């Protein structure tokens, strides 16, 4: 009798989390759209990664004038490798859908707090 109670308790505790998981169930179509979006976003990041250099140079020169060329070049190279790494990671793990992690190339982000 005690064994039956332990088994029932174990079943109840293992099935309880399943009710929360199934409440947010997505369809196969949602999953396919999510992985397709992530694969396309990763491919876009790989192809457009080199554009980070002139965009960053332009942004720094707009803020600092002519002295912003070399800092913009350095930051642009770093941002290019960051975008390339994120793109390769997104293409390699496209089967796990997730949200965008960095903005598109040459798009300024708006601050969350004004």
C-alpha atoms as a PDB file:
ATOM      1  CA  UNK A   1       0.000   0.000   0.000  1.00  0.00           C
ATOM      2  CA  UNK A   2       2.827   2.392   0.869  1.00  0.00           C
ATOM      3  CA  UNK A   3       4.519   1.564  -2.433  1.00  0.00           C
ATOM      4  CA  UNK A   4       1.352   2.512  -4.344  1.00  0.00           C
ATOM      5  CA  UNK A   5       1.200   5.902  -2.599  1.00  0.00           C
ATOM      6  CA  UNK A   6       4.847   6.586  -3.465  1.00  0.00           C
ATOM      7  CA  UNK A   7       4.263   5.656  -7.089  1.00  0.00           C
ATOM      8  CA  UNK A   8       1.152   7.857  -7.301  1.00  0.00           C
ATOM      9  CA  UNK A   9       3.024  10.762  -5.693  1.00  0.00           C
ATOM     10  CA  UNK A  10       5.912  10.320  -8.125  1.00  0.00           C
ATOM     11  CA  UNK A  11       3.525  10.262 -11.117  1.00  0.00           C
ATOM     12  CA  UNK A  12       1.709  13.356  -9.854  1.00  0.00           C
ATOM     13  CA  UNK A  13       4.961  15.277  -9.364  1.00  0.00           C
ATOM     14  CA  UNK A  14       6.316  14.351 -12.777  1.00  0.00           C
ATOM     15  CA  UNK A  15       3.075  15.141 -14.607  1.00  0.00           C
ATOM     16  CA  UNK A  16       2.463  18.489 -12.879  1.00  0.00           C
ATOM     17  CA  UNK A  17       5.119  20.403 -14.860  1.00  0.00           C
ATOM     18  CA  UNK A  18       3.682  18.988 -18.097  1.00  0.00           C
ATOM     19  CA  UNK A  19       0.483  20.993 -17.594  1.00  0.00           C
ATOM     20  CA  UNK A  20       2.461  24.236 -17.667  1.00  0.00           C
ATOM     21  CA  UNK A  21       4.442  23.205 -20.728  1.00  0.00           C
ATOM     22  CA  UNK A  22       1.379  22.259 -22.727  1.00  0.00           C
ATOM     23  CA  UNK A  23      -0.321  25.564 -21.890  1.00  0.00           C
ATOM     24  CA  UNK A  24       2.174  27.397 -24.125  1.00  0.00           C
ATOM     25  CA  UNK A  25       2.132  24.842 -26.890  1.00  0.00           C
ATOM     26  CA  UNK A  26       3.013  26.140 -30.341  1.00  0.00           C
ATOM     27  CA  UNK A  27       2.108  24.616 -33.645  1.00  0.00           C
ATOM     28  CA  UNK A  28       4.473  23.047 -36.142  1.00  0.00           C
ATOM     29  CA  UNK A  29       3.878  25.992 -38.446  1.00  0.00           C
ATOM     30  CA  UNK A  30       5.058  28.442 -35.778  1.00  0.00           C
ATOM     31  CA  UNK A  31       8.185  26.366 -35.277  1.00  0.00           C
ATOM     32  CA  UNK A  32       8.940  26.268 -39.005  1.00  0.00           C
ATOM     33  CA  UNK A  33       8.506  30.037 -39.304  1.00  0.00           C
ATOM     34  CA  UNK A  34      10.773  30.534 -36.278  1.00  0.00           C
ATOM     35  CA  UNK A  35      13.590  28.387 -37.616  1.00  0.00           C
ATOM     36  CA  UNK A  36      13.268  29.868 -41.099  1.00  0.00           C
ATOM     37  CA  UNK A  37      13.478  33.381 -39.674  1.00  0.00           C
ATOM     38  CA  UNK A  38      16.530  32.523 -37.599  1.00  0.00           C
ATOM     39  CA  UNK A  39      18.315  30.867 -40.529  1.00  0.00           C
ATOM     40  CA  UNK A  40      17.612  33.877 -42.760  1.00  0.00           C
ATOM     41  CA  UNK A  41      18.714  36.308 -40.054  1.00  0.00           C
ATOM     42  CA  UNK A  42      21.947  34.385 -39.535  1.00  0.00           C
ATOM     43  CA  UNK A  43      22.647  34.312 -43.269  1.00  0.00           C
ATOM     44  CA  UNK A  44      21.932  38.052 -43.426  1.00  0.00           C
ATOM     45  CA  UNK A  45      24.399  38.680 -40.588  1.00  0.00           C
ATOM     46  CA  UNK A  46      27.111  36.682 -42.349  1.00  0.00           C
ATOM     47  CA  UNK A  47      26.641  38.424 -45.699  1.00  0.00           C
ATOM     48  CA  UNK A  48      26.373  41.961 -44.300  1.00  0.00           C
ATOM     49  CA  UNK A  49      29.033  41.697 -41.584  1.00  0.00           C
ATOM     50  CA  UNK A  50      31.640  43.607 -43.598  1.00  0.00           C
ATOM     51  CA  UNK A  51      29.262  46.600 -43.858  1.00  0.00           C
ATOM     52  CA  UNK A  52      29.762  47.250 -40.128  1.00  0.00           C
ATOM     53  CA  UNK A  53      33.141  48.882 -40.840  1.00  0.00           C
ATOM     54  CA  UNK A  54      31.966  51.800 -43.026  1.00  0.00           C
ATOM     55  CA  UNK A  55      28.807  52.262 -40.939  1.00  0.00           C
ATOM     56  CA  UNK A  56      30.783  52.576 -37.724  1.00  0.00           C
ATOM     57  CA  UNK A  57      33.333  54.883 -39.338  1.00  0.00           C
ATOM     58  CA  UNK A  58      30.508  57.090 -40.623  1.00  0.00           C
ATOM     59  CA  UNK A  59      28.787  57.201 -37.219  1.00  0.00           C
ATOM     60  CA  UNK A  60      32.019  58.066 -35.374  1.00  0.00           C
ATOM     61  CA  UNK A  61      33.014  60.703 -37.908  1.00  0.00           C
ATOM     62  CA  UNK A  62      29.558  62.242 -37.607  1.00  0.00           C
ATOM     63  CA  UNK A  63      30.031  62.489 -33.823  1.00  0.00           C
ATOM     64  CA  UNK A  64      33.763  63.353 -33.611  1.00  0.00           C
ATOM     65  CA  UNK A  65      34.614  64.779 -37.003  1.00  0.00           C
ATOM     66  CA  UNK A  66      37.773  63.625 -38.813  1.00  0.00           C
ATOM     67  CA  UNK A  67      39.304  62.253 -35.630  1.00  0.00           C
ATOM     68  CA  UNK A  68      36.597  59.571 -35.514  1.00  0.00           C
ATOM     69  CA  UNK A  69      38.021  57.661 -38.489  1.00  0.00           C
ATOM     70  CA  UNK A  70      40.502  55.437 -36.651  1.00  0.00           C
ATOM     71  CA  UNK A  71      38.320  54.685 -33.603  1.00  0.00           C
ATOM     72  CA  UNK A  72      35.464  53.959 -36.025  1.00  0.00           C
ATOM     73  CA  UNK A  73      37.710  51.650 -38.026  1.00  0.00           C
ATOM     74  CA  UNK A  74      38.720  49.716 -34.904  1.00  0.00           C
ATOM     75  CA  UNK A  75      35.199  49.454 -33.551  1.00  0.00           C
ATOM     76  CA  UNK A  76      33.912  48.559 -37.019  1.00  0.00           C
ATOM     77  CA  UNK A  77      36.312  45.634 -37.265  1.00  0.00           C
ATOM     78  CA  UNK A  78      35.277  44.406 -33.813  1.00  0.00           C
ATOM     79  CA  UNK A  79      31.573  44.814 -34.680  1.00  0.00           C
ATOM     80  CA  UNK A  80      32.146  43.002 -37.984  1.00  0.00           C
ATOM     81  CA  UNK A  81      33.598  39.960 -36.214  1.00  0.00           C
ATOM     82  CA  UNK A  82      30.789  40.088 -33.642  1.00  0.00           C
ATOM     83  CA  UNK A  83      28.138  40.105 -36.388  1.00  0.00           C
ATOM     84  CA  UNK A  84      29.952  37.330 -38.264  1.00  0.00           C
ATOM     85  CA  UNK A  85      30.156  35.180 -35.120  1.00  0.00           C
ATOM     86  CA  UNK A  86      26.483  35.735 -34.307  1.00  0.00           C
ATOM     87  CA  UNK A  87      25.518  34.938 -37.902  1.00  0.00           C
ATOM     88  CA  UNK A  88      27.483  31.690 -37.941  1.00  0.00           C
ATOM     89  CA  UNK A  89      25.988  30.746 -34.578  1.00  0.00           C
ATOM     90  CA  UNK A  90      22.441  31.473 -35.764  1.00  0.00           C
ATOM     91  CA  UNK A  91      22.898  29.450 -38.958  1.00  0.00           C
ATOM     92  CA  UNK A  92      24.463  26.594 -36.998  1.00  0.00           C
ATOM     93  CA  UNK A  93      21.679  26.517 -34.412  1.00  0.00           C
ATOM     94  CA  UNK A  94      18.743  27.562 -36.594  1.00  0.00           C
ATOM     95  CA  UNK A  95      16.641  24.649 -35.371  1.00  0.00           C
ATOM     96  CA  UNK A  96      16.309  26.420 -31.980  1.00  0.00           C
ATOM     97  CA  UNK A  97      14.197  29.533 -32.708  1.00  0.00           C
ATOM     98  CA  UNK A  98      14.913  32.714 -30.756  1.00  0.00           C
ATOM     99  CA  UNK A  99      14.582  36.494 -30.995  1.00  0.00           C
ATOM    100  CA  UNK A 100      17.005  38.867 -32.719  1.00  0.00           C
ATOM    101  CA  UNK A 101      20.051  39.624 -30.569  1.00  0.00           C
ATOM    102  CA  UNK A 102      21.553  42.587 -32.447  1.00  0.00           C
ATOM    103  CA  UNK A 103      19.946  45.214 -34.674  1.00  0.00           C
ATOM    104  CA  UNK A 104      20.344  45.184 -38.445  1.00  0.00           C
ATOM    105  CA  UNK A 105      23.405  46.743 -40.024  1.00  0.00           C
ATOM    106  CA  UNK A 106      23.466  50.565 -40.028  1.00  0.00           C
ATOM    107  CA  UNK A 107      20.232  50.791 -38.015  1.00  0.00           C
ATOM    108  CA  UNK A 108      20.487  52.928 -34.935  1.00  0.00           C
ATOM    109  CA  UNK A 109      18.831  51.579 -31.832  1.00  0.00           C
ATOM    110  CA  UNK A 110      16.457  53.778 -29.915  1.00  0.00           C
ATOM    111  CA  UNK A 111      17.132  54.078 -26.181  1.00  0.00           C
ATOM    112  CA  UNK A 112      14.693  52.224 -23.972  1.00  0.00           C
ATOM    113  CA  UNK A 113      14.440  55.186 -21.582  1.00  0.00           C
ATOM    114  CA  UNK A 114      14.016  58.703 -22.938  1.00  0.00           C
END
